Structures are given as structure tokens and as C-alpha cells.
Amino acid sequence: MEKYLTVDPREVTTAKMVSILQGAVAPRPIAFASTVDRNGKINLSPFSFFNLFSTQPPILIFSPSRRVRNNTTKHTLENVKEVPEVVINIVNYSMVEQSSLASCEYPPEVNEFIKAGFSPFPSVKVKPPRVAESPASFECRVKEIISLGTEGGAGNLIICEVILAHVKNDILNEQGGIDPQKLDAVARMGADYYCRAQGENIFEVPKPNTKLGIGFDRLPEEILNSKVFSKNELARLANIEKLPIGNFSADKIKHLQATELLKQGRLQEAWQLLLE
């Protein structure tokens, strides 16, 4: 039986719970949010409590948490209460150090675009500027702000409706979609760690979609009980709609050859190889 660290949030410090949550719930995409206050002062700050939550309407949500050490709120939250608009800029590897610099707690009169060396670019439909260096930016109207608590560490969900998207041509593939290799996105891990979506770190897992995989329970015993296949490889084999007809081999050499075919995405060929 594997041993676990079991933690009750009510019995540890907030800082300890932060380290566990942010260490385990990862990687997290980064919302590099540009906002303005009622006087037009600009703020730019990254937030890793962020994701996509709806496509029709297109909704992005990020959460500036109350500071754990002194329970104060961030300028981004104060700004969107005054001017309910935001541009969410995507962070890639070429700008990750700059975006980290922008997270410094400068006073409200300081422009993080200048401090972090970014270029503001006028938005079309909202007041806050876009980050010219970002590979993709989303102009948003703030639909709602939901406070999740009043203590240090409590989040504030900023629900944003995308009203205009900007994607640089140089990250698009021939079909007009976003190429993840060209995007070169980064994400937050726990503590000071980040991860980079590039090279072999990007891989494909075919979606079942409307097709139903046969599942583990219908795998032939020769395959299911193999000492060669990992659980991931068995899951790939179980994602076939229909088994080929015939008897299946328990031969280790064939199983090793089949794993190579699975790495190449050649599922049908792997199954044919596994026949005796």
C-alpha cells in the first residue's frame, strides 16, 4: 500500500495549503491581464488561476487571490471593478521572464508595461491595451466578479466574455489553426517552477469522440496480462472500436514491436501485429 501525505485544510497554515494545491494542480495556463483604472492608469499582471470555461459564449475566467501575508487585494481586481474590461494576453517562452517581472508588487502609479519592457498596443473594443509581444490576446468585457472569501488566499473569480480575439499569423498552421509548437506556451507549476509546451513535451492522444472504444474489459487476456504494455498503452489499444478477428499472441517480442507502433499512432497496425 502506497503511503500518502494526508492534509486537512483546517489544520495547516494557508501557506502550506497553497504549496500543496499549486504543486499538485499543475501545469496552469497564465492569464497576463492588462487593465486600467477610472483615471486610465494601466496595470499588467500574470495570474495562473486561469482557464477557458465556455466557447459559446466565449468565457475566460481568472482569479486574483487576496494576498496571504496581509489579506490585501491586487490592483487588477480593483481596476476591473472600476472599468469592467480586460485584455487577457497569452504568455509564451520568449516572454516568460518579462511576465514574471511584471508580477512585482509595484505601486499603482507604476506602469508594468514600462517596468517589464513590454510594448502596449491599442485594443479595438476595450480600453486596456494589448501586449504586442503576446502570441494571442483576447479583448474581454467583465461579466461578473465573484468573491470566494474574505481571508488571505481567497480568490475572486473574474468572469470575462471574449469580444475580440487576436492571434499572430506566425503561430498558425497551414489549416489556420494554432500550432502548439509555434505557440511555445508556458505554464505555472508549484513554487518557482514553470513548464514549457515544446518539442517532445507536446504529444497527441486520440479522442474517442462519438466512437466507443472497446475498453479494458474486452481486451484479450494475452494483451491485458502482458508484462510489456503499460496502462497507457493498454488504454490506447482499448480505444479501438472493434477488435480484429483472430487469435492473439502472448509473444513478448510482438508486444514490444506493437508498443513502437503505438508510439507512432499506428493503432490498427499494432493490433494486426498482435494476431498470431
C-alpha atoms as a PDB file:
ATOM      1  CA  MET A   1       0.000   0.000   0.000  1.00  0.00           C
ATOM      2  CA  GLU A   2       1.421   3.368  -1.028  1.00  0.00           C
ATOM      3  CA  LYS A   3       1.899   5.958   1.711  1.00  0.00           C
ATOM      4  CA  TYR A   4       0.223   9.371   1.435  1.00  0.00           C
ATOM      5  CA  LEU A   5       0.572  12.771   2.995  1.00  0.00           C
ATOM      6  CA  THR A   6      -2.994  13.496   4.091  1.00  0.00           C
ATOM      7  CA  VAL A   7      -3.790  17.137   4.767  1.00  0.00           C
ATOM      8  CA  ASP A   8      -6.856  18.763   6.306  1.00  0.00           C
ATOM      9  CA  PRO A   9      -7.008  22.424   5.153  1.00  0.00           C
ATOM     10  CA  ARG A  10      -8.387  23.384   8.562  1.00  0.00           C
ATOM     11  CA  GLU A  11      -5.305  22.021  10.347  1.00  0.00           C
ATOM     12  CA  VAL A  12      -2.460  23.585   8.351  1.00  0.00           C
ATOM     13  CA  THR A  13      -1.411  27.126   7.551  1.00  0.00           C
ATOM     14  CA  THR A  14      -2.713  28.775   4.408  1.00  0.00           C
ATOM     15  CA  ALA A  15       0.854  28.911   3.073  1.00  0.00           C
ATOM     16  CA  LYS A  16       1.202  25.127   3.479  1.00  0.00           C
ATOM     17  CA  MET A  17      -2.080  24.524   1.670  1.00  0.00           C
ATOM     18  CA  VAL A  18      -1.014  26.900  -1.105  1.00  0.00           C
ATOM     19  CA  SER A  19       2.166  24.882  -1.677  1.00  0.00           C
ATOM     20  CA  ILE A  20       0.232  21.611  -1.896  1.00  0.00           C
ATOM     21  CA  LEU A  21      -2.525  22.937  -4.157  1.00  0.00           C
ATOM     22  CA  GLN A  22      -0.255  24.827  -6.530  1.00  0.00           C
ATOM     23  CA  GLY A  23       2.264  21.989  -6.573  1.00  0.00           C
ATOM     24  CA  ALA A  24      -0.316  19.350  -7.479  1.00  0.00           C
ATOM     25  CA  VAL A  25      -2.814  21.309  -9.611  1.00  0.00           C
ATOM     26  CA  ALA A  26      -0.390  21.931 -12.442  1.00  0.00           C
ATOM     27  CA  PRO A  27       0.507  22.959 -15.050  1.00  0.00           C
ATOM     28  CA  ARG A  28      -1.719  26.028 -15.027  1.00  0.00           C
ATOM     29  CA  PRO A  29      -2.013  28.386 -18.025  1.00  0.00           C
ATOM     30  CA  ILE A  30      -1.203  32.038 -17.421  1.00  0.00           C
ATOM     31  CA  ALA A  31      -3.570  34.962 -17.921  1.00  0.00           C
ATOM     32  CA  PHE A  32      -1.405  38.015 -18.491  1.00  0.00           C
ATOM     33  CA  ALA A  33      -4.078  40.588 -17.712  1.00  0.00           C
ATOM     34  CA  SER A  34      -3.929  44.239 -18.736  1.00  0.00           C
ATOM     35  CA  THR A  35      -6.428  46.581 -17.075  1.00  0.00           C
ATOM     36  CA  VAL A  36      -6.969  50.286 -16.457  1.00  0.00           C
ATOM     37  CA  ASP A  37      -8.434  52.209 -13.542  1.00  0.00           C
ATOM     38  CA  ARG A  38     -11.008  55.007 -13.794  1.00  0.00           C
ATOM     39  CA  ASN A  39      -8.199  57.515 -14.419  1.00  0.00           C
ATOM     40  CA  GLY A  40      -6.719  55.498 -17.256  1.00  0.00           C
ATOM     41  CA  LYS A  41      -3.689  54.199 -15.341  1.00  0.00           C
ATOM     42  CA  ILE A  42      -2.547  50.885 -16.779  1.00  0.00           C
ATOM     43  CA  ASN A  43      -1.792  47.693 -14.853  1.00  0.00           C
ATOM     44  CA  LEU A  44      -0.303  44.475 -16.216  1.00  0.00           C
ATOM     45  CA  SER A  45      -0.061  41.310 -14.136  1.00  0.00           C
ATOM     46  CA  PRO A  46       0.076  37.491 -14.615  1.00  0.00           C
ATOM     47  CA  PHE A  47      -2.373  35.079 -12.979  1.00  0.00           C
ATOM     48  CA  SER A  48      -2.142  31.292 -13.084  1.00  0.00           C
ATOM     49  CA  PHE A  49      -5.597  30.668 -11.621  1.00  0.00           C
ATOM     50  CA  PHE A  50      -6.991  30.822 -15.148  1.00  0.00           C
ATOM     51  CA  ASN A  51      -8.728  28.801 -17.839  1.00  0.00           C
ATOM     52  CA  LEU A  52     -11.340  28.581 -20.606  1.00  0.00           C
ATOM     53  CA  PHE A  53     -14.845  27.764 -19.365  1.00  0.00           C
ATOM     54  CA  SER A  54     -17.193  28.241 -22.315  1.00  0.00           C
ATOM     55  CA  THR A  55     -16.959  28.627 -26.076  1.00  0.00           C
ATOM     56  CA  GLN A  56     -20.500  29.922 -26.799  1.00  0.00           C
ATOM     57  CA  PRO A  57     -20.446  32.462 -25.352  1.00  0.00           C
ATOM     58  CA  PRO A  58     -16.629  32.509 -25.182  1.00  0.00           C
ATOM     59  CA  ILE A  59     -15.809  32.816 -21.481  1.00  0.00           C
ATOM     60  CA  LEU A  60     -12.419  33.047 -19.787  1.00  0.00           C
ATOM     61  CA  ILE A  61     -12.098  33.154 -16.004  1.00  0.00           C
ATOM     62  CA  PHE A  62      -9.108  34.163 -13.924  1.00  0.00           C
ATOM     63  CA  SER A  63      -8.800  34.768 -10.214  1.00  0.00           C
ATOM     64  CA  PRO A  64      -6.674  37.362  -8.422  1.00  0.00           C
ATOM     65  CA  SER A  65      -6.439  35.968  -4.899  1.00  0.00           C
ATOM     66  CA  ARG A  66      -6.215  38.071  -1.779  1.00  0.00           C
ATOM     67  CA  ARG A  67      -2.598  38.168  -0.583  1.00  0.00           C
ATOM     68  CA  VAL A  68      -1.943  35.523   2.057  1.00  0.00           C
ATOM     69  CA  ARG A  69       0.513  37.552   4.133  1.00  0.00           C
ATOM     70  CA  ASN A  70      -1.603  40.680   4.653  1.00  0.00           C
ATOM     71  CA  ASN A  71      -5.047  39.976   3.109  1.00  0.00           C
ATOM     72  CA  THR A  72      -4.831  42.884   0.649  1.00  0.00           C
ATOM     73  CA  THR A  73      -6.274  42.803  -2.867  1.00  0.00           C
ATOM     74  CA  LYS A  74      -4.449  43.281  -6.159  1.00  0.00           C
ATOM     75  CA  HIS A  75      -4.627  46.275  -8.471  1.00  0.00           C
ATOM     76  CA  THR A  76      -6.105  44.131 -11.256  1.00  0.00           C
ATOM     77  CA  LEU A  77      -9.148  43.334  -9.128  1.00  0.00           C
ATOM     78  CA  GLU A  78      -9.581  46.964  -8.111  1.00  0.00           C
ATOM     79  CA  ASN A  79      -9.268  48.093 -11.734  1.00  0.00           C
ATOM     80  CA  VAL A  80     -11.898  45.763 -13.197  1.00  0.00           C
ATOM     81  CA  LYS A  81     -14.332  46.923 -10.542  1.00  0.00           C
ATOM     82  CA  GLU A  82     -13.821  50.483 -11.791  1.00  0.00           C
ATOM     83  CA  VAL A  83     -13.520  49.683 -15.515  1.00  0.00           C
ATOM     84  CA  PRO A  84     -15.028  46.242 -16.256  1.00  0.00           C
ATOM     85  CA  GLU A  85     -12.763  45.453 -19.198  1.00  0.00           C
ATOM     86  CA  VAL A  86      -9.591  43.391 -19.523  1.00  0.00           C
ATOM     87  CA  VAL A  87      -7.242  42.053 -22.158  1.00  0.00           C
ATOM     88  CA  ILE A  88      -6.014  38.541 -21.433  1.00  0.00           C
ATOM     89  CA  ASN A  89      -2.685  38.025 -23.158  1.00  0.00           C
ATOM     90  CA  ILE A  90      -1.143  34.581 -23.564  1.00  0.00           C
ATOM     91  CA  VAL A  91       2.420  34.050 -22.308  1.00  0.00           C
ATOM     92  CA  ASN A  92       4.959  32.056 -24.310  1.00  0.00           C
ATOM     93  CA  TYR A  93       8.561  31.109 -23.600  1.00  0.00           C
ATOM     94  CA  SER A  94      10.096  34.169 -25.245  1.00  0.00           C
ATOM     95  CA  MET A  95       8.366  36.489 -22.752  1.00  0.00           C
ATOM     96  CA  VAL A  96       8.153  34.405 -19.573  1.00  0.00           C
ATOM     97  CA  GLU A  97      10.894  36.246 -17.640  1.00  0.00           C
ATOM     98  CA  GLN A  98       9.337  39.593 -18.525  1.00  0.00           C
ATOM     99  CA  SER A  99       5.893  38.439 -17.384  1.00  0.00           C
ATOM    100  CA  SER A 100       7.394  37.279 -14.094  1.00  0.00           C
ATOM    101  CA  LEU A 101       8.981  40.709 -13.628  1.00  0.00           C
ATOM    102  CA  ALA A 102       5.565  42.309 -14.187  1.00  0.00           C
ATOM    103  CA  SER A 103       4.248  40.364 -11.175  1.00  0.00           C
ATOM    104  CA  CYS A 104       6.319  42.516  -8.807  1.00  0.00           C
ATOM    105  CA  GLU A 105       4.099  44.465  -6.442  1.00  0.00           C
ATOM    106  CA  TYR A 106       4.773  47.925  -7.821  1.00  0.00           C
ATOM    107  CA  PRO A 107       2.663  50.829  -6.508  1.00  0.00           C
ATOM    108  CA  PRO A 108      -0.483  51.635  -8.520  1.00  0.00           C
ATOM    109  CA  GLU A 109       1.051  54.598 -10.339  1.00  0.00           C
ATOM    110  CA  VAL A 110       3.767  52.376 -11.898  1.00  0.00           C
ATOM    111  CA  ASN A 111       3.153  51.079 -15.437  1.00  0.00           C
ATOM    112  CA  GLU A 112       4.268  47.429 -15.643  1.00  0.00           C
ATOM    113  CA  PHE A 113       4.476  47.666 -19.441  1.00  0.00           C
ATOM    114  CA  ILE A 114       7.412  50.038 -18.928  1.00  0.00           C
ATOM    115  CA  LYS A 115       8.948  48.203 -15.960  1.00  0.00           C
ATOM    116  CA  ALA A 116       8.872  44.796 -17.697  1.00  0.00           C
ATOM    117  CA  GLY A 117       9.832  46.091 -21.140  1.00  0.00           C
ATOM    118  CA  PHE A 118       6.591  45.290 -22.950  1.00  0.00           C
ATOM    119  CA  SER A 119       5.020  47.226 -25.817  1.00  0.00           C
ATOM    120  CA  PRO A 120       1.390  48.369 -25.361  1.00  0.00           C
ATOM    121  CA  PHE A 121      -0.749  48.026 -28.471  1.00  0.00           C
ATOM    122  CA  PRO A 122      -4.160  49.740 -28.724  1.00  0.00           C
ATOM    123  CA  SER A 123      -7.156  47.451 -28.357  1.00  0.00           C
ATOM    124  CA  VAL A 124     -10.127  47.756 -30.700  1.00  0.00           C
ATOM    125  CA  LYS A 125     -13.126  47.389 -28.390  1.00  0.00           C
ATOM    126  CA  VAL A 126     -11.806  47.863 -24.850  1.00  0.00           C
ATOM    127  CA  LYS A 127      -9.751  50.486 -23.030  1.00  0.00           C
ATOM    128  CA  PRO A 128      -6.838  48.363 -21.723  1.00  0.00           C
ATOM    129  CA  PRO A 129      -4.029  47.870 -24.251  1.00  0.00           C
ATOM    130  CA  ARG A 130      -2.850  44.539 -25.600  1.00  0.00           C
ATOM    131  CA  VAL A 131       0.676  43.211 -25.088  1.00  0.00           C
ATOM    132  CA  ALA A 132       2.268  43.439 -28.537  1.00  0.00           C
ATOM    133  CA  GLU A 133       4.727  40.635 -27.736  1.00  0.00           C
ATOM    134  CA  SER A 134       1.982  38.147 -26.853  1.00  0.00           C
ATOM    135  CA  PRO A 135       1.201  35.452 -29.461  1.00  0.00           C
ATOM    136  CA  ALA A 136      -2.537  35.744 -28.747  1.00  0.00           C
ATOM    137  CA  SER A 137      -4.669  38.308 -26.941  1.00  0.00           C
ATOM    138  CA  PHE A 138      -8.344  38.390 -26.012  1.00  0.00           C
ATOM    139  CA  GLU A 139     -10.266  41.610 -25.523  1.00  0.00           C
ATOM    140  CA  CYS A 140     -12.897  40.966 -22.869  1.00  0.00           C
ATOM    141  CA  ARG A 141     -15.773  42.576 -21.037  1.00  0.00           C
ATOM    142  CA  VAL A 142     -16.094  41.582 -17.397  1.00  0.00           C
ATOM    143  CA  LYS A 143     -19.499  39.981 -16.881  1.00  0.00           C
ATOM    144  CA  GLU A 144     -19.262  39.255 -13.176  1.00  0.00           C
ATOM    145  CA  ILE A 145     -16.871  39.204 -10.231  1.00  0.00           C
ATOM    146  CA  ILE A 146     -17.444  36.520  -7.617  1.00  0.00           C
ATOM    147  CA  SER A 147     -15.685  36.794  -4.260  1.00  0.00           C
ATOM    148  CA  LEU A 148     -14.830  33.391  -2.796  1.00  0.00           C
ATOM    149  CA  GLY A 149     -13.985  34.607   0.688  1.00  0.00           C
ATOM    150  CA  THR A 150     -12.626  37.399   2.845  1.00  0.00           C
ATOM    151  CA  GLU A 151      -9.471  35.788   4.262  1.00  0.00           C
ATOM    152  CA  GLY A 152      -5.955  35.919   2.850  1.00  0.00           C
ATOM    153  CA  GLY A 153      -5.714  33.463  -0.068  1.00  0.00           C
ATOM    154  CA  ALA A 154      -9.382  33.779  -1.042  1.00  0.00           C
ATOM    155  CA  GLY A 155      -9.954  34.010  -4.782  1.00  0.00           C
ATOM    156  CA  ASN A 156     -12.040  36.444  -6.791  1.00  0.00           C
ATOM    157  CA  LEU A 157     -13.410  34.927  -9.976  1.00  0.00           C
ATOM    158  CA  ILE A 158     -13.355  37.453 -12.800  1.00  0.00           C
ATOM    159  CA  ILE A 159     -15.711  36.112 -15.463  1.00  0.00           C
ATOM    160  CA  CYS A 160     -14.741  37.565 -18.823  1.00  0.00           C
ATOM    161  CA  GLU A 161     -16.579  37.390 -22.132  1.00  0.00           C
ATOM    162  CA  VAL A 162     -14.274  37.497 -25.137  1.00  0.00           C
ATOM    163  CA  ILE A 163     -15.477  40.119 -27.589  1.00  0.00           C
ATOM    164  CA  LEU A 164     -12.449  40.122 -29.895  1.00  0.00           C
ATOM    165  CA  ALA A 165      -9.520  37.737 -30.332  1.00  0.00           C
ATOM    166  CA  HIS A 166      -6.134  38.481 -31.896  1.00  0.00           C
ATOM    167  CA  VAL A 167      -3.835  35.631 -32.951  1.00  0.00           C
ATOM    168  CA  LYS A 168      -0.473  36.219 -34.619  1.00  0.00           C
ATOM    169  CA  ASN A 169      -0.165  34.650 -38.056  1.00  0.00           C
ATOM    170  CA  ASP A 170       3.221  33.170 -37.261  1.00  0.00           C
ATOM    171  CA  ILE A 171       1.746  30.681 -34.758  1.00  0.00           C
ATOM    172  CA  LEU A 172      -0.839  29.332 -37.236  1.00  0.00           C
ATOM    173  CA  ASN A 173      -0.553  26.085 -39.182  1.00  0.00           C
ATOM    174  CA  GLU A 174      -1.486  25.596 -42.845  1.00  0.00           C
ATOM    175  CA  GLN A 175      -5.112  24.921 -41.868  1.00  0.00           C
ATOM    176  CA  GLY A 176      -5.406  28.198 -39.988  1.00  0.00           C
ATOM    177  CA  GLY A 177      -5.359  26.591 -36.550  1.00  0.00           C
ATOM    178  CA  ILE A 178      -2.897  27.310 -33.753  1.00  0.00           C
ATOM    179  CA  ASP A 179       0.234  25.162 -33.955  1.00  0.00           C
ATOM    180  CA  PRO A 180       1.259  24.293 -30.361  1.00  0.00           C
ATOM    181  CA  GLN A 181       4.913  24.020 -31.363  1.00  0.00           C
ATOM    182  CA  LYS A 182       4.860  27.550 -32.755  1.00  0.00           C
ATOM    183  CA  LEU A 183       2.864  28.865 -29.789  1.00  0.00           C
ATOM    184  CA  ASP A 184       5.575  27.644 -27.377  1.00  0.00           C
ATOM    185  CA  ALA A 185       3.318  28.243 -24.373  1.00  0.00           C
ATOM    186  CA  VAL A 186       4.481  28.197 -20.777  1.00  0.00           C
ATOM    187  CA  ALA A 187       2.528  27.322 -17.645  1.00  0.00           C
ATOM    188  CA  ARG A 188       2.963  27.599 -13.891  1.00  0.00           C
ATOM    189  CA  MET A 189       3.823  24.733 -11.605  1.00  0.00           C
ATOM    190  CA  GLY A 190       4.308  24.981  -7.848  1.00  0.00           C
ATOM    191  CA  ALA A 191       6.791  27.306  -6.114  1.00  0.00           C
ATOM    192  CA  ASP A 192       9.047  28.992  -8.719  1.00  0.00           C
ATOM    193  CA  TYR A 193       8.653  26.217 -11.300  1.00  0.00           C
ATOM    194  CA  TYR A 194       7.295  26.625 -14.820  1.00  0.00           C
ATOM    195  CA  CYS A 195       6.910  24.192 -17.688  1.00  0.00           C
ATOM    196  CA  ARG A 196       7.275  24.692 -21.432  1.00  0.00           C
ATOM    197  CA  ALA A 197       4.973  23.135 -24.059  1.00  0.00           C
ATOM    198  CA  GLN A 198       7.542  22.497 -26.756  1.00  0.00           C
ATOM    199  CA  GLY A 199       9.214  19.623 -28.628  1.00  0.00           C
ATOM    200  CA  GLU A 200       8.562  16.132 -27.263  1.00  0.00           C
ATOM    201  CA  ASN A 201       6.612  17.631 -24.355  1.00  0.00           C
ATOM    202  CA  ILE A 202       3.717  18.025 -26.817  1.00  0.00           C
ATOM    203  CA  PHE A 203       2.014  14.779 -27.824  1.00  0.00           C
ATOM    204  CA  GLU A 204      -1.315  13.614 -29.191  1.00  0.00           C
ATOM    205  CA  VAL A 205      -3.874  11.333 -27.557  1.00  0.00           C
ATOM    206  CA  PRO A 206      -6.674  10.416 -29.997  1.00  0.00           C
ATOM    207  CA  LYS A 207     -10.073  11.405 -28.623  1.00  0.00           C
ATOM    208  CA  PRO A 208     -12.829   8.763 -28.627  1.00  0.00           C
ATOM    209  CA  ASN A 209     -15.379  11.474 -29.592  1.00  0.00           C
ATOM    210  CA  THR A 210     -18.530   9.714 -30.852  1.00  0.00           C
ATOM    211  CA  LYS A 211     -16.701   6.435 -31.377  1.00  0.00           C
ATOM    212  CA  LEU A 212     -16.747   3.993 -28.486  1.00  0.00           C
ATOM    213  CA  GLY A 213     -13.541   2.212 -27.559  1.00  0.00           C
ATOM    214  CA  ILE A 214     -13.883  -1.439 -26.539  1.00  0.00           C
ATOM    215  CA  GLY A 215     -12.448  -0.729 -23.070  1.00  0.00           C
ATOM    216  CA  PHE A 216     -10.150  -2.731 -20.794  1.00  0.00           C
ATOM    217  CA  ASP A 217     -12.853  -5.294 -20.037  1.00  0.00           C
ATOM    218  CA  ARG A 218     -12.853  -6.504 -23.645  1.00  0.00           C
ATOM    219  CA  LEU A 219      -9.115  -6.721 -24.143  1.00  0.00           C
ATOM    220  CA  PRO A 220      -7.924 -10.284 -24.896  1.00  0.00           C
ATOM    221  CA  GLU A 221      -6.233 -11.903 -21.878  1.00  0.00           C
ATOM    222  CA  GLU A 222      -2.983 -12.258 -23.827  1.00  0.00           C
ATOM    223  CA  ILE A 223      -2.885  -8.479 -24.127  1.00  0.00           C
ATOM    224  CA  LEU A 224      -4.386  -7.463 -20.779  1.00  0.00           C
ATOM    225  CA  ASN A 225      -1.997  -9.701 -18.791  1.00  0.00           C
ATOM    226  CA  SER A 226       1.081  -8.754 -20.793  1.00  0.00           C
ATOM    227  CA  LYS A 227       4.176  -7.706 -18.824  1.00  0.00           C
ATOM    228  CA  VAL A 228       5.181  -5.424 -21.701  1.00  0.00           C
ATOM    229  CA  PHE A 229       2.309  -2.956 -22.075  1.00  0.00           C
ATOM    230  CA  SER A 230       1.904  -0.042 -19.694  1.00  0.00           C
ATOM    231  CA  LYS A 231      -1.575   1.021 -18.587  1.00  0.00           C
ATOM    232  CA  ASN A 232      -1.374   3.933 -21.038  1.00  0.00           C
ATOM    233  CA  GLU A 233      -0.545   1.552 -23.884  1.00  0.00           C
ATOM    234  CA  LEU A 234      -3.383  -0.762 -22.884  1.00  0.00           C
ATOM    235  CA  ALA A 235      -5.727   2.223 -22.878  1.00  0.00           C
ATOM    236  CA  ARG A 236      -4.585   3.105 -26.404  1.00  0.00           C
ATOM    237  CA  LEU A 237      -5.270  -0.481 -27.515  1.00  0.00           C
ATOM    238  CA  ALA A 238      -8.663  -0.383 -25.758  1.00  0.00           C
ATOM    239  CA  ASN A 239      -9.598   2.736 -27.736  1.00  0.00           C
ATOM    240  CA  ILE A 240     -10.286   0.720 -30.880  1.00  0.00           C
ATOM    241  CA  GLU A 241     -13.920   0.396 -31.965  1.00  0.00           C
ATOM    242  CA  LYS A 242     -13.742  -3.248 -32.976  1.00  0.00           C
ATOM    243  CA  LEU A 243     -11.209  -5.996 -32.389  1.00  0.00           C
ATOM    244  CA  PRO A 244      -9.675  -7.667 -35.453  1.00  0.00           C
ATOM    245  CA  ILE A 245     -10.852 -11.242 -35.949  1.00  0.00           C
ATOM    246  CA  GLY A 246      -8.407 -13.972 -34.929  1.00  0.00           C
ATOM    247  CA  ASN A 247      -6.316 -15.330 -32.070  1.00  0.00           C
ATOM    248  CA  PHE A 248      -3.961 -13.023 -30.219  1.00  0.00           C
ATOM    249  CA  SER A 249      -0.313 -13.668 -29.431  1.00  0.00           C
ATOM    250  CA  ALA A 250       1.285 -13.605 -25.985  1.00  0.00           C
ATOM    251  CA  ASP A 251       4.713 -13.327 -27.584  1.00  0.00           C
ATOM    252  CA  LYS A 252       6.855 -10.690 -25.814  1.00  0.00           C
ATOM    253  CA  ILE A 253       8.709  -9.729 -28.997  1.00  0.00           C
ATOM    254  CA  LYS A 254       5.440  -8.958 -30.798  1.00  0.00           C
ATOM    255  CA  HIS A 255       4.259  -6.942 -27.824  1.00  0.00           C
ATOM    256  CA  LEU A 256       7.451  -4.860 -27.843  1.00  0.00           C
ATOM    257  CA  GLN A 257       7.054  -4.252 -31.579  1.00  0.00           C
ATOM    258  CA  ALA A 258       3.431  -3.241 -31.007  1.00  0.00           C
ATOM    259  CA  THR A 259       4.474  -0.619 -28.430  1.00  0.00           C
ATOM    260  CA  GLU A 260       6.670   1.010 -31.086  1.00  0.00           C
ATOM    261  CA  LEU A 261       3.726   1.172 -33.476  1.00  0.00           C
ATOM    262  CA  LEU A 262       1.568   2.694 -30.729  1.00  0.00           C
ATOM    263  CA  LYS A 263       4.187   5.416 -30.182  1.00  0.00           C
ATOM    264  CA  GLN A 264       3.799   6.277 -33.865  1.00  0.00           C
ATOM    265  CA  GLY A 265      -0.010   6.389 -33.620  1.00  0.00           C
ATOM    266  CA  ARG A 266      -0.417   3.271 -35.775  1.00  0.00           C
ATOM    267  CA  LEU A 267      -3.142   1.584 -33.735  1.00  0.00           C
ATOM    268  CA  GLN A 268      -4.644  -0.624 -36.437  1.00  0.00           C
ATOM    269  CA  GLU A 269      -1.207  -1.921 -37.419  1.00  0.00           C
ATOM    270  CA  ALA A 270      -0.374  -2.660 -33.780  1.00  0.00           C
ATOM    271  CA  TRP A 271      -3.491  -4.796 -33.468  1.00  0.00           C
ATOM    272  CA  GLN A 272      -2.738  -6.668 -36.689  1.00  0.00           C
ATOM    273  CA  LEU A 273       0.753  -7.403 -35.419  1.00  0.00           C
ATOM    274  CA  LEU A 274      -0.691  -8.858 -32.212  1.00  0.00           C
ATOM    275  CA  LEU A 275      -2.566 -11.524 -34.131  1.00  0.00           C
ATOM    276  CA  GLU A 276      -0.907 -14.955 -34.161  1.00  0.00           C
END
